[in-house]
């Protein structure tokens, strides 16, 4: 039987990589580093919106997140329908 230290270490590593993947999505897919704002409140609101988008994409589990975002931007009704399915609207 594996000891609890092995389990805790594996859990910590998995948690770290989850954060890294989300940071990659923020930087590459949502282009967070390219967005500049002067006001702290706007920066916080945009960060919250990005987190919301990442969480929605994680629920949807698309093969290609960028393609899914492009589909939503090209067809707003698809986005609205999906937000209804997940219980947001």
PDB file of N, CA and C in Angstrom:
ATOM      1  N   UNK A   1       0.844  -1.180   0.000  1.00  0.00           N
ATOM      2  CA  UNK A   1       0.000   0.000   0.000  1.00  0.00           C
ATOM      3  C   UNK A   1       0.892   1.247   0.000  1.00  0.00           C
ATOM      4  N   UNK A   2       0.540   2.202  -0.825  1.00  0.00           N
ATOM      5  CA  UNK A   2       1.313   3.448  -0.874  1.00  0.00           C
ATOM      6  C   UNK A   2       1.051   4.255   0.386  1.00  0.00           C
ATOM      7  N   UNK A   3       2.076   4.962   0.804  1.00  0.00           N
ATOM      8  CA  UNK A   3       1.877   5.764   2.006  1.00  0.00           C
ATOM      9  C   UNK A   3       1.236   7.108   1.648  1.00  0.00           C
ATOM     10  N   UNK A   4       0.756   7.785   2.649  1.00  0.00           N
ATOM     11  CA  UNK A   4       0.025   9.046   2.423  1.00  0.00           C
ATOM     12  C   UNK A   4       0.928  10.141   1.870  1.00  0.00           C
ATOM     13  N   UNK A   5       2.238  10.055   2.140  1.00  0.00           N
ATOM     14  CA  UNK A   5       3.160  11.064   1.614  1.00  0.00           C
ATOM     15  C   UNK A   5       3.209  11.007   0.090  1.00  0.00           C
ATOM     16  N   UNK A   6       3.213   9.807  -0.475  1.00  0.00           N
ATOM     17  CA  UNK A   6       3.188   9.652  -1.935  1.00  0.00           C
ATOM     18  C   UNK A   6       1.915  10.268  -2.523  1.00  0.00           C
ATOM     19  N   UNK A   7       0.806   9.988  -1.882  1.00  0.00           N
ATOM     20  CA  UNK A   7      -0.474  10.531  -2.346  1.00  0.00           C
ATOM     21  C   UNK A   7      -0.473  12.059  -2.273  1.00  0.00           C
ATOM     22  N   UNK A   8       0.002  12.600  -1.168  1.00  0.00           N
ATOM     23  CA  UNK A   8       0.040  14.053  -1.001  1.00  0.00           C
ATOM     24  C   UNK A   8       0.953  14.709  -2.023  1.00  0.00           C
ATOM     25  N   UNK A   9       2.098  14.091  -2.301  1.00  0.00           N
ATOM     26  CA  UNK A   9       3.025  14.620  -3.283  1.00  0.00           C
ATOM     27  C   UNK A   9       2.393  14.610  -4.680  1.00  0.00           C
ATOM     28  N   UNK A  10       1.768  13.502  -5.050  1.00  0.00           N
ATOM     29  CA  UNK A  10       1.108  13.409  -6.357  1.00  0.00           C
ATOM     30  C   UNK A  10      -0.012  14.437  -6.470  1.00  0.00           C
ATOM     31  N   UNK A  11      -0.756  14.615  -5.403  1.00  0.00           N
ATOM     32  CA  UNK A  11      -1.858  15.588  -5.389  1.00  0.00           C
ATOM     33  C   UNK A  11      -1.309  17.013  -5.544  1.00  0.00           C
ATOM     34  N   UNK A  12      -0.207  17.317  -4.870  1.00  0.00           N
ATOM     35  CA  UNK A  12       0.395  18.652  -4.968  1.00  0.00           C
ATOM     36  C   UNK A  12       0.917  18.914  -6.379  1.00  0.00           C
ATOM     37  N   UNK A  13       1.537  17.912  -6.981  1.00  0.00           N
ATOM     38  CA  UNK A  13       2.051  18.063  -8.353  1.00  0.00           C
ATOM     39  C   UNK A  13       0.900  18.282  -9.319  1.00  0.00           C
ATOM     40  N   UNK A  14      -0.152  17.502  -9.196  1.00  0.00           N
ATOM     41  CA  UNK A  14      -1.325  17.656 -10.073  1.00  0.00           C
ATOM     42  C   UNK A  14      -1.935  19.039  -9.904  1.00  0.00           C
ATOM     43  N   UNK A  15      -2.036  19.506  -8.676  1.00  0.00           N
ATOM     44  CA  UNK A  15      -2.575  20.843  -8.426  1.00  0.00           C
ATOM     45  C   UNK A  15      -1.717  21.934  -9.040  1.00  0.00           C
ATOM     46  N   UNK A  16      -0.393  21.760  -8.951  1.00  0.00           N
ATOM     47  CA  UNK A  16       0.518  22.743  -9.542  1.00  0.00           C
ATOM     48  C   UNK A  16       0.312  22.815 -11.046  1.00  0.00           C
ATOM     49  N   UNK A  17       0.217  21.671 -11.709  1.00  0.00           N
ATOM     50  CA  UNK A  17       0.077  21.680 -13.164  1.00  0.00           C
ATOM     51  C   UNK A  17      -1.288  22.192 -13.599  1.00  0.00           C
ATOM     52  N   UNK A  18      -2.296  22.030 -12.765  1.00  0.00           N
ATOM     53  CA  UNK A  18      -3.607  22.619 -13.070  1.00  0.00           C
ATOM     54  C   UNK A  18      -3.482  24.133 -13.120  1.00  0.00           C
ATOM     55  N   UNK A  19      -2.760  24.708 -12.170  1.00  0.00           N
ATOM     56  CA  UNK A  19      -2.539  26.156 -12.146  1.00  0.00           C
ATOM     57  C   UNK A  19      -1.755  26.581 -13.387  1.00  0.00           C
ATOM     58  N   UNK A  20      -0.712  25.830 -13.733  1.00  0.00           N
ATOM     59  CA  UNK A  20       0.098  26.171 -14.905  1.00  0.00           C
ATOM     60  C   UNK A  20      -0.717  26.112 -16.194  1.00  0.00           C
ATOM     61  N   UNK A  21      -1.572  25.113 -16.326  1.00  0.00           N
ATOM     62  CA  UNK A  21      -2.425  25.004 -17.521  1.00  0.00           C
ATOM     63  C   UNK A  21      -3.365  26.197 -17.593  1.00  0.00           C
ATOM     64  N   UNK A  22      -3.971  26.567 -16.474  1.00  0.00           N
ATOM     65  CA  UNK A  22      -4.868  27.722 -16.466  1.00  0.00           C
ATOM     66  C   UNK A  22      -4.114  29.009 -16.803  1.00  0.00           C
ATOM     67  N   UNK A  23      -2.887  29.151 -16.309  1.00  0.00           N
ATOM     68  CA  UNK A  23      -2.087  30.327 -16.658  1.00  0.00           C
ATOM     69  C   UNK A  23      -1.774  30.353 -18.149  1.00  0.00           C
ATOM     70  N   UNK A  24      -1.503  29.191 -18.718  1.00  0.00           N
ATOM     71  CA  UNK A  24      -1.239  29.110 -20.154  1.00  0.00           C
ATOM     72  C   UNK A  24      -2.483  29.533 -20.945  1.00  0.00           C
ATOM     73  N   UNK A  25      -3.649  29.078 -20.529  1.00  0.00           N
ATOM     74  CA  UNK A  25      -4.899  29.466 -21.203  1.00  0.00           C
ATOM     75  C   UNK A  25      -5.093  30.968 -21.098  1.00  0.00           C
ATOM     76  N   UNK A  26      -4.843  31.530 -19.907  1.00  0.00           N
ATOM     77  CA  UNK A  26      -4.982  32.977 -19.723  1.00  0.00           C
ATOM     78  C   UNK A  26      -4.032  33.741 -20.639  1.00  0.00           C
ATOM     79  N   UNK A  27      -2.785  33.282 -20.716  1.00  0.00           N
ATOM     80  CA  UNK A  27      -1.766  34.011 -21.475  1.00  0.00           C
ATOM     81  C   UNK A  27      -1.901  33.811 -22.985  1.00  0.00           C
ATOM     82  N   UNK A  28      -2.131  32.582 -23.422  1.00  0.00           N
ATOM     83  CA  UNK A  28      -2.115  32.274 -24.850  1.00  0.00           C
ATOM     84  C   UNK A  28      -3.501  32.425 -25.482  1.00  0.00           C
ATOM     85  N   UNK A  29      -4.493  31.774 -24.916  1.00  0.00           N
ATOM     86  CA  UNK A  29      -5.825  31.792 -25.513  1.00  0.00           C
ATOM     87  C   UNK A  29      -6.545  33.116 -25.274  1.00  0.00           C
ATOM     88  N   UNK A  30      -6.501  33.598 -24.039  1.00  0.00           N
ATOM     89  CA  UNK A  30      -7.230  34.819 -23.699  1.00  0.00           C
ATOM     90  C   UNK A  30      -6.356  36.071 -23.764  1.00  0.00           C
ATOM     91  N   UNK A  31      -5.071  35.904 -24.094  1.00  0.00           N
ATOM     92  CA  UNK A  31      -4.125  37.004 -24.311  1.00  0.00           C
ATOM     93  C   UNK A  31      -4.094  37.999 -23.144  1.00  0.00           C
ATOM     94  N   UNK A  32      -4.075  37.463 -21.942  1.00  0.00           N
ATOM     95  CA  UNK A  32      -4.108  38.309 -20.746  1.00  0.00           C
ATOM     96  C   UNK A  32      -2.922  39.280 -20.680  1.00  0.00           C
ATOM     97  N   UNK A  33      -1.740  38.818 -21.051  1.00  0.00           N
ATOM     98  CA  UNK A  33      -0.558  39.675 -20.948  1.00  0.00           C
ATOM     99  C   UNK A  33      -0.589  40.855 -21.914  1.00  0.00           C
ATOM    100  N   UNK A  34      -1.380  40.760 -22.963  1.00  0.00           N
ATOM    101  CA  UNK A  34      -1.459  41.841 -23.945  1.00  0.00           C
ATOM    102  C   UNK A  34      -2.459  42.924 -23.543  1.00  0.00           C
ATOM    103  N   UNK A  35      -3.287  42.637 -22.551  1.00  0.00           N
ATOM    104  CA  UNK A  35      -4.292  43.597 -22.106  1.00  0.00           C
ATOM    105  C   UNK A  35      -3.699  44.495 -21.028  1.00  0.00           C
ATOM    106  N   UNK A  36      -3.760  45.775 -21.251  1.00  0.00           N
ATOM    107  CA  UNK A  36      -3.245  46.743 -20.277  1.00  0.00           C
ATOM    108  C   UNK A  36      -4.389  47.628 -19.802  1.00  0.00           C
ATOM    109  N   UNK A  37      -4.497  47.775 -18.503  1.00  0.00           N
ATOM    110  CA  UNK A  37      -5.498  48.672 -17.930  1.00  0.00           C
ATOM    111  C   UNK A  37      -4.809  49.547 -16.883  1.00  0.00           C
ATOM    112  N   UNK A  38      -5.366  50.720 -16.690  1.00  0.00           N
ATOM    113  CA  UNK A  38      -4.800  51.662 -15.732  1.00  0.00           C
ATOM    114  C   UNK A  38      -5.437  51.476 -14.360  1.00  0.00           C
ATOM    115  N   UNK A  39      -6.722  51.211 -14.341  1.00  0.00           N
ATOM    116  CA  UNK A  39      -7.456  51.136 -13.081  1.00  0.00           C
ATOM    117  C   UNK A  39      -7.469  49.703 -12.535  1.00  0.00           C
ATOM    118  N   UNK A  40      -7.182  49.584 -11.250  1.00  0.00           N
ATOM    119  CA  UNK A  40      -7.125  48.286 -10.586  1.00  0.00           C
ATOM    120  C   UNK A  40      -8.464  47.559 -10.664  1.00  0.00           C
ATOM    121  N   UNK A  41      -9.549  48.290 -10.492  1.00  0.00           N
ATOM    122  CA  UNK A  41     -10.873  47.659 -10.516  1.00  0.00           C
ATOM    123  C   UNK A  41     -11.145  46.992 -11.866  1.00  0.00           C
ATOM    124  N   UNK A  42     -10.749  47.647 -12.940  1.00  0.00           N
ATOM    125  CA  UNK A  42     -10.958  47.074 -14.277  1.00  0.00           C
ATOM    126  C   UNK A  42     -10.109  45.821 -14.441  1.00  0.00           C
ATOM    127  N   UNK A  43      -8.883  45.866 -13.958  1.00  0.00           N
ATOM    128  CA  UNK A  43      -8.003  44.703 -14.016  1.00  0.00           C
ATOM    129  C   UNK A  43      -8.629  43.523 -13.279  1.00  0.00           C
ATOM    130  N   UNK A  44      -9.190  43.775 -12.111  1.00  0.00           N
ATOM    131  CA  UNK A  44      -9.826  42.717 -11.323  1.00  0.00           C
ATOM    132  C   UNK A  44     -11.072  42.170 -12.011  1.00  0.00           C
ATOM    133  N   UNK A  45     -11.858  43.048 -12.604  1.00  0.00           N
ATOM    134  CA  UNK A  45     -13.065  42.605 -13.311  1.00  0.00           C
ATOM    135  C   UNK A  45     -12.692  41.731 -14.508  1.00  0.00           C
ATOM    136  N   UNK A  46     -11.687  42.154 -15.267  1.00  0.00           N
ATOM    137  CA  UNK A  46     -11.250  41.366 -16.422  1.00  0.00           C
ATOM    138  C   UNK A  46     -10.689  40.014 -15.981  1.00  0.00           C
ATOM    139  N   UNK A  47      -9.956  39.984 -14.883  1.00  0.00           N
ATOM    140  CA  UNK A  47      -9.430  38.718 -14.365  1.00  0.00           C
ATOM    141  C   UNK A  47     -10.565  37.790 -13.957  1.00  0.00           C
ATOM    142  N   UNK A  48     -11.604  38.343 -13.347  1.00  0.00           N
ATOM    143  CA  UNK A  48     -12.766  37.548 -12.965  1.00  0.00           C
ATOM    144  C   UNK A  48     -13.473  37.002 -14.197  1.00  0.00           C
ATOM    145  N   UNK A  49     -13.597  37.825 -15.215  1.00  0.00           N
ATOM    146  CA  UNK A  49     -14.220  37.370 -16.471  1.00  0.00           C
ATOM    147  C   UNK A  49     -13.412  36.248 -17.108  1.00  0.00           C
ATOM    148  N   UNK A  50     -12.095  36.375 -17.102  1.00  0.00           N
ATOM    149  CA  UNK A  50     -11.241  35.317 -17.662  1.00  0.00           C
ATOM    150  C   UNK A  50     -11.402  34.017 -16.873  1.00  0.00           C
ATOM    151  N   UNK A  51     -11.449  34.124 -15.555  1.00  0.00           N
ATOM    152  CA  UNK A  51     -11.649  32.940 -14.722  1.00  0.00           C
ATOM    153  C   UNK A  51     -12.984  32.291 -15.041  1.00  0.00           C
ATOM    154  N   UNK A  52     -14.014  33.092 -15.218  1.00  0.00           N
ATOM    155  CA  UNK A  52     -15.336  32.591 -15.578  1.00  0.00           C
ATOM    156  C   UNK A  52     -15.281  31.842 -16.904  1.00  0.00           C
ATOM    157  N   UNK A  53     -14.609  32.420 -17.889  1.00  0.00           N
ATOM    158  CA  UNK A  53     -14.488  31.793 -19.210  1.00  0.00           C
ATOM    159  C   UNK A  53     -13.740  30.464 -19.095  1.00  0.00           C
ATOM    160  N   UNK A  54     -12.652  30.440 -18.335  1.00  0.00           N
ATOM    161  CA  UNK A  54     -11.890  29.201 -18.161  1.00  0.00           C
ATOM    162  C   UNK A  54     -12.754  28.132 -17.501  1.00  0.00           C
ATOM    163  N   UNK A  55     -13.501  28.504 -16.474  1.00  0.00           N
ATOM    164  CA  UNK A  55     -14.369  27.540 -15.799  1.00  0.00           C
ATOM    165  C   UNK A  55     -15.453  27.015 -16.733  1.00  0.00           C
ATOM    166  N   UNK A  56     -16.026  27.893 -17.557  1.00  0.00           N
ATOM    167  CA  UNK A  56     -17.029  27.443 -18.524  1.00  0.00           C
ATOM    168  C   UNK A  56     -16.427  26.492 -19.551  1.00  0.00           C
ATOM    169  N   UNK A  57     -15.255  26.829 -20.042  1.00  0.00           N
ATOM    170  CA  UNK A  57     -14.589  25.947 -21.004  1.00  0.00           C
ATOM    171  C   UNK A  57     -14.251  24.600 -20.369  1.00  0.00           C
ATOM    172  N   UNK A  58     -13.855  24.611 -19.115  1.00  0.00           N
ATOM    173  CA  UNK A  58     -13.570  23.342 -18.430  1.00  0.00           C
ATOM    174  C   UNK A  58     -14.825  22.488 -18.297  1.00  0.00           C
ATOM    175  N   UNK A  59     -15.978  23.114 -18.107  1.00  0.00           N
ATOM    176  CA  UNK A  59     -17.242  22.357 -18.061  1.00  0.00           C
ATOM    177  C   UNK A  59     -17.591  21.794 -19.430  1.00  0.00           C
ATOM    178  N   UNK A  60     -17.345  22.584 -20.459  1.00  0.00           N
ATOM    179  CA  UNK A  60     -17.690  22.187 -21.819  1.00  0.00           C
ATOM    180  C   UNK A  60     -16.745  21.108 -22.353  1.00  0.00           C
ATOM    181  N   UNK A  61     -15.494  21.152 -21.926  1.00  0.00           N
ATOM    182  CA  UNK A  61     -14.451  20.208 -22.341  1.00  0.00           C
ATOM    183  C   UNK A  61     -14.316  20.096 -23.860  1.00  0.00           C
ATOM    184  N   UNK A  62     -14.126  21.234 -24.541  1.00  0.00           N
ATOM    185  CA  UNK A  62     -13.948  21.153 -25.995  1.00  0.00           C
ATOM    186  C   UNK A  62     -12.577  20.570 -26.337  1.00  0.00           C
ATOM    187  N   UNK A  63     -12.477  20.000 -27.524  1.00  0.00           N
ATOM    188  CA  UNK A  63     -11.194  19.479 -27.987  1.00  0.00           C
ATOM    189  C   UNK A  63     -10.224  20.642 -28.193  1.00  0.00           C
ATOM    190  N   UNK A  64     -10.750  21.754 -28.707  1.00  0.00           N
ATOM    191  CA  UNK A  64      -9.928  22.928 -29.005  1.00  0.00           C
ATOM    192  C   UNK A  64     -10.610  24.149 -28.392  1.00  0.00           C
ATOM    193  N   UNK A  65     -10.030  24.684 -27.339  1.00  0.00           N
ATOM    194  CA  UNK A  65     -10.647  25.823 -26.637  1.00  0.00           C
ATOM    195  C   UNK A  65     -10.722  27.071 -27.507  1.00  0.00           C
ATOM    196  N   UNK A  66      -9.676  27.317 -28.292  1.00  0.00           N
ATOM    197  CA  UNK A  66      -9.679  28.493 -29.167  1.00  0.00           C
ATOM    198  C   UNK A  66     -10.798  28.375 -30.194  1.00  0.00           C
ATOM    199  N   UNK A  67     -10.946  27.199 -30.791  1.00  0.00           N
ATOM    200  CA  UNK A  67     -12.007  26.994 -31.778  1.00  0.00           C
ATOM    201  C   UNK A  67     -13.386  27.170 -31.137  1.00  0.00           C
ATOM    202  N   UNK A  68     -13.529  26.709 -29.899  1.00  0.00           N
ATOM    203  CA  UNK A  68     -14.814  26.866 -29.205  1.00  0.00           C
ATOM    204  C   UNK A  68     -15.115  28.337 -28.956  1.00  0.00           C
ATOM    205  N   UNK A  69     -14.119  29.092 -28.536  1.00  0.00           N
ATOM    206  CA  UNK A  69     -14.323  30.529 -28.326  1.00  0.00           C
ATOM    207  C   UNK A  69     -14.670  31.232 -29.632  1.00  0.00           C
ATOM    208  N   UNK A  70     -14.020  30.829 -30.722  1.00  0.00           N
ATOM    209  CA  UNK A  70     -14.334  31.415 -32.027  1.00  0.00           C
ATOM    210  C   UNK A  70     -15.761  31.073 -32.452  1.00  0.00           C
ATOM    211  N   UNK A  71     -16.201  29.836 -32.178  1.00  0.00           N
ATOM    212  CA  UNK A  71     -17.580  29.455 -32.488  1.00  0.00           C
ATOM    213  C   UNK A  71     -18.554  30.334 -31.712  1.00  0.00           C
ATOM    214  N   UNK A  72     -18.284  30.534 -30.426  1.00  0.00           N
ATOM    215  CA  UNK A  72     -19.152  31.386 -29.614  1.00  0.00           C
ATOM    216  C   UNK A  72     -19.159  32.821 -30.128  1.00  0.00           C
ATOM    217  N   UNK A  73     -18.005  33.333 -30.547  1.00  0.00           N
ATOM    218  CA  UNK A  73     -17.962  34.716 -31.029  1.00  0.00           C
ATOM    219  C   UNK A  73     -18.635  34.857 -32.392  1.00  0.00           C
ATOM    220  N   UNK A  74     -18.584  33.808 -33.203  1.00  0.00           N
ATOM    221  CA  UNK A  74     -19.230  33.847 -34.519  1.00  0.00           C
ATOM    222  C   UNK A  74     -20.733  33.625 -34.433  1.00  0.00           C
ATOM    223  N   UNK A  75     -21.167  32.885 -33.416  1.00  0.00           N
ATOM    224  CA  UNK A  75     -22.580  32.544 -33.293  1.00  0.00           C
ATOM    225  C   UNK A  75     -23.007  32.742 -31.842  1.00  0.00           C
ATOM    226  N   UNK A  76     -23.451  33.946 -31.537  1.00  0.00           N
ATOM    227  CA  UNK A  76     -23.808  34.313 -30.171  1.00  0.00           C
ATOM    228  C   UNK A  76     -24.947  33.449 -29.630  1.00  0.00           C
ATOM    229  N   UNK A  77     -25.862  33.034 -30.500  1.00  0.00           N
ATOM    230  CA  UNK A  77     -26.976  32.181 -30.060  1.00  0.00           C
ATOM    231  C   UNK A  77     -26.472  30.853 -29.503  1.00  0.00           C
ATOM    232  N   UNK A  78     -25.383  30.337 -30.069  1.00  0.00           N
ATOM    233  CA  UNK A  78     -24.795  29.099 -29.563  1.00  0.00           C
ATOM    234  C   UNK A  78     -24.293  29.294 -28.141  1.00  0.00           C
ATOM    235  N   UNK A  79     -23.663  30.419 -27.895  1.00  0.00           N
ATOM    236  CA  UNK A  79     -23.184  30.732 -26.550  1.00  0.00           C
ATOM    237  C   UNK A  79     -24.359  30.836 -25.584  1.00  0.00           C
ATOM    238  N   UNK A  80     -25.399  31.559 -25.963  1.00  0.00           N
ATOM    239  CA  UNK A  80     -26.568  31.723 -25.093  1.00  0.00           C
ATOM    240  C   UNK A  80     -27.212  30.373 -24.796  1.00  0.00           C
ATOM    241  N   UNK A  81     -27.355  29.538 -25.828  1.00  0.00           N
ATOM    242  CA  UNK A  81     -27.944  28.208 -25.632  1.00  0.00           C
ATOM    243  C   UNK A  81     -27.117  27.393 -24.650  1.00  0.00           C
ATOM    244  N   UNK A  82     -25.806  27.455 -24.805  1.00  0.00           N
ATOM    245  CA  UNK A  82     -24.951  26.679 -23.926  1.00  0.00           C
ATOM    246  C   UNK A  82     -24.984  27.211 -22.495  1.00  0.00           C
ATOM    247  N   UNK A  83     -25.035  28.536 -22.331  1.00  0.00           N
ATOM    248  CA  UNK A  83     -25.134  29.114 -20.983  1.00  0.00           C
ATOM    249  C   UNK A  83     -26.433  28.687 -20.302  1.00  0.00           C
ATOM    250  N   UNK A  84     -27.474  28.492 -21.077  1.00  0.00           N
ATOM    251  CA  UNK A  84     -28.736  27.982 -20.523  1.00  0.00           C
ATOM    252  C   UNK A  84     -28.580  26.524 -20.091  1.00  0.00           C
ATOM    253  N   UNK A  85     -27.880  25.731 -20.901  1.00  0.00           N
ATOM    254  CA  UNK A  85     -27.686  24.316 -20.582  1.00  0.00           C
ATOM    255  C   UNK A  85     -26.919  24.142 -19.281  1.00  0.00           C
ATOM    256  N   UNK A  86     -25.896  24.954 -19.058  1.00  0.00           N
ATOM    257  CA  UNK A  86     -25.106  24.810 -17.818  1.00  0.00           C
ATOM    258  C   UNK A  86     -25.751  25.531 -16.637  1.00  0.00           C
ATOM    259  N   UNK A  87     -26.896  26.164 -16.851  1.00  0.00           N
ATOM    260  CA  UNK A  87     -27.630  26.792 -15.754  1.00  0.00           C
ATOM    261  C   UNK A  87     -27.170  28.183 -15.394  1.00  0.00           C
ATOM    262  N   UNK A  88     -26.403  28.827 -16.285  1.00  0.00           N
ATOM    263  CA  UNK A  88     -25.973  30.193 -15.996  1.00  0.00           C
ATOM    264  C   UNK A  88     -27.087  31.198 -16.305  1.00  0.00           C
ATOM    265  N   UNK A  89     -27.852  30.912 -17.336  1.00  0.00           N
ATOM    266  CA  UNK A  89     -28.972  31.791 -17.698  1.00  0.00           C
ATOM    267  C   UNK A  89     -30.297  31.077 -17.468  1.00  0.00           C
TER     268      UNK A  89
END
